Amino acid sequence: MAAALGAATGAVFALVARMVAPERVGAVTGVVGAAGGLGGFFPPLVMGFVFGALGGYGVGFVLLALTALAAALFTAAVVAPRAAPQHT
């Protein structure tokens, strides 16, 4: 799992380098890293809150699945077309 996560992280930062002007790569990399940090911070808090409020994790898993679906749709609709190589 660690190898897959490491490869995915490398792919994300390689994509940033392809999609952003060279003078902005550092700033965008910082924002992407911060978003990843928040992604590792908030889901456990939400899951703990849901468990404490409802006594189970079901709603929390649904929220995580909806968030993943939204990210996948955004990636497919916005990021993928911009990242595709342009043939002229």
C-alpha atoms as a PDB file:
ATOM      1  CA  MET A   1       0.000   0.000   0.000  1.00  0.00           C
ATOM      2  CA  ALA A   2       2.842   2.371   0.808  1.00  0.00           C
ATOM      3  CA  ALA A   3       4.363   1.800  -2.641  1.00  0.00           C
ATOM      4  CA  ALA A   4       1.055   2.563  -4.357  1.00  0.00           C
ATOM      5  CA  LEU A   5       0.557   5.719  -2.307  1.00  0.00           C
ATOM      6  CA  GLY A   6       4.108   6.834  -3.038  1.00  0.00           C
ATOM      7  CA  ALA A   7       3.650   6.246  -6.765  1.00  0.00           C
ATOM      8  CA  ALA A   8       0.364   8.156  -6.723  1.00  0.00           C
ATOM      9  CA  THR A   9       1.980  11.076  -4.918  1.00  0.00           C
ATOM     10  CA  GLY A  10       4.762  11.182  -7.496  1.00  0.00           C
ATOM     11  CA  ALA A  11       2.207  11.117 -10.308  1.00  0.00           C
ATOM     12  CA  VAL A  12       0.291  14.021  -8.784  1.00  0.00           C
ATOM     13  CA  PHE A  13       3.379  16.190  -8.505  1.00  0.00           C
ATOM     14  CA  ALA A  14       4.478  15.244 -12.033  1.00  0.00           C
ATOM     15  CA  LEU A  15       1.046  16.317 -13.258  1.00  0.00           C
ATOM     16  CA  VAL A  16       1.413  19.641 -11.442  1.00  0.00           C
ATOM     17  CA  ALA A  17       4.664  20.245 -13.298  1.00  0.00           C
ATOM     18  CA  ARG A  18       2.911  19.562 -16.641  1.00  0.00           C
ATOM     19  CA  MET A  19      -0.129  21.728 -15.984  1.00  0.00           C
ATOM     20  CA  VAL A  20       1.311  24.798 -14.271  1.00  0.00           C
ATOM     21  CA  ALA A  21       3.601  27.538 -15.500  1.00  0.00           C
ATOM     22  CA  PRO A  22       7.184  26.945 -14.293  1.00  0.00           C
ATOM     23  CA  GLU A  23       7.196  30.024 -12.080  1.00  0.00           C
ATOM     24  CA  ARG A  24       4.125  28.763 -10.202  1.00  0.00           C
ATOM     25  CA  VAL A  25       5.100  25.117  -9.643  1.00  0.00           C
ATOM     26  CA  GLY A  26       6.365  25.728  -6.102  1.00  0.00           C
ATOM     27  CA  ALA A  27       3.212  27.513  -4.961  1.00  0.00           C
ATOM     28  CA  VAL A  28       0.890  24.958  -6.535  1.00  0.00           C
ATOM     29  CA  THR A  29       2.927  22.093  -5.088  1.00  0.00           C
ATOM     30  CA  GLY A  30       2.486  23.687  -1.648  1.00  0.00           C
ATOM     31  CA  VAL A  31      -1.274  23.937  -2.100  1.00  0.00           C
ATOM     32  CA  VAL A  32      -1.494  20.333  -3.316  1.00  0.00           C
ATOM     33  CA  GLY A  33       0.584  19.138  -0.366  1.00  0.00           C
ATOM     34  CA  ALA A  34      -1.601  21.108   2.060  1.00  0.00           C
ATOM     35  CA  ALA A  35      -4.741  19.589   0.531  1.00  0.00           C
ATOM     36  CA  GLY A  36      -3.244  16.127   0.995  1.00  0.00           C
ATOM     37  CA  GLY A  37      -2.444  16.933   4.607  1.00  0.00           C
ATOM     38  CA  LEU A  38      -6.005  18.053   5.227  1.00  0.00           C
ATOM     39  CA  GLY A  39      -7.223  14.870   3.556  1.00  0.00           C
ATOM     40  CA  GLY A  40      -5.332  12.891   6.160  1.00  0.00           C
ATOM     41  CA  PHE A  41      -6.527  15.071   9.031  1.00  0.00           C
ATOM     42  CA  PHE A  42     -10.269  15.603   8.586  1.00  0.00           C
ATOM     43  CA  PRO A  43     -11.627  12.137   7.672  1.00  0.00           C
ATOM     44  CA  PRO A  44     -10.628  10.580  11.026  1.00  0.00           C
ATOM     45  CA  LEU A  45     -12.264  13.512  12.817  1.00  0.00           C
ATOM     46  CA  VAL A  46     -15.455  13.139  10.782  1.00  0.00           C
ATOM     47  CA  MET A  47     -15.516   9.377  11.330  1.00  0.00           C
ATOM     48  CA  GLY A  48     -15.033   9.861  15.072  1.00  0.00           C
ATOM     49  CA  PHE A  49     -17.805  12.445  15.194  1.00  0.00           C
ATOM     50  CA  VAL A  50     -20.176  10.208  13.215  1.00  0.00           C
ATOM     51  CA  PHE A  51     -19.413   7.225  15.457  1.00  0.00           C
ATOM     52  CA  GLY A  52     -19.920   9.296  18.597  1.00  0.00           C
ATOM     53  CA  ALA A  53     -23.188  10.772  17.337  1.00  0.00           C
ATOM     54  CA  LEU A  54     -24.713   7.705  15.695  1.00  0.00           C
ATOM     55  CA  GLY A  55     -22.926   4.741  17.220  1.00  0.00           C
ATOM     56  CA  GLY A  56     -21.717   3.432  13.858  1.00  0.00           C
ATOM     57  CA  TYR A  57     -19.566   4.298  10.873  1.00  0.00           C
ATOM     58  CA  GLY A  58     -22.126   3.837   8.052  1.00  0.00           C
ATOM     59  CA  VAL A  59     -22.890   7.517   7.451  1.00  0.00           C
ATOM     60  CA  GLY A  60     -19.191   8.364   7.647  1.00  0.00           C
ATOM     61  CA  PHE A  61     -18.363   5.792   4.977  1.00  0.00           C
ATOM     62  CA  VAL A  62     -21.113   7.196   2.759  1.00  0.00           C
ATOM     63  CA  LEU A  63     -19.665  10.696   3.188  1.00  0.00           C
ATOM     64  CA  LEU A  64     -16.185   9.434   2.303  1.00  0.00           C
ATOM     65  CA  ALA A  65     -17.562   7.627  -0.763  1.00  0.00           C
ATOM     66  CA  LEU A  66     -19.387  10.770  -1.922  1.00  0.00           C
ATOM     67  CA  THR A  67     -16.220  12.814  -1.471  1.00  0.00           C
ATOM     68  CA  ALA A  68     -14.242  10.265  -3.505  1.00  0.00           C
ATOM     69  CA  LEU A  69     -16.922  10.316  -6.216  1.00  0.00           C
ATOM     70  CA  ALA A  70     -16.835  14.121  -6.364  1.00  0.00           C
ATOM     71  CA  ALA A  71     -13.030  14.058  -6.666  1.00  0.00           C
ATOM     72  CA  ALA A  72     -13.208  11.441  -9.438  1.00  0.00           C
ATOM     73  CA  LEU A  73     -15.805  13.448 -11.377  1.00  0.00           C
ATOM     74  CA  PHE A  74     -13.757  16.632 -11.006  1.00  0.00           C
ATOM     75  CA  THR A  75     -10.646  14.808 -12.183  1.00  0.00           C
ATOM     76  CA  ALA A  76     -12.422  13.314 -15.195  1.00  0.00           C
ATOM     77  CA  ALA A  77     -14.187  16.534 -16.196  1.00  0.00           C
ATOM     78  CA  VAL A  78     -11.623  19.227 -15.413  1.00  0.00           C
ATOM     79  CA  VAL A  79      -8.147  17.816 -14.856  1.00  0.00           C
ATOM     80  CA  ALA A  80      -7.960  15.020 -17.440  1.00  0.00           C
ATOM     81  CA  PRO A  81      -8.846  17.192 -20.469  1.00  0.00           C
ATOM     82  CA  ARG A  82      -6.219  19.765 -19.466  1.00  0.00           C
ATOM     83  CA  ALA A  83      -3.571  17.129 -18.812  1.00  0.00           C
ATOM     84  CA  ALA A  84      -4.060  15.328 -22.141  1.00  0.00           C
ATOM     85  CA  PRO A  85      -1.262  15.947 -24.634  1.00  0.00           C
ATOM     86  CA  GLN A  86      -2.207  18.522 -27.219  1.00  0.00           C
ATOM     87  CA  HIS A  87      -1.536  17.378 -30.798  1.00  0.00           C
ATOM     88  CA  THR A  88      -1.173  20.138 -33.349  1.00  0.00           C
END
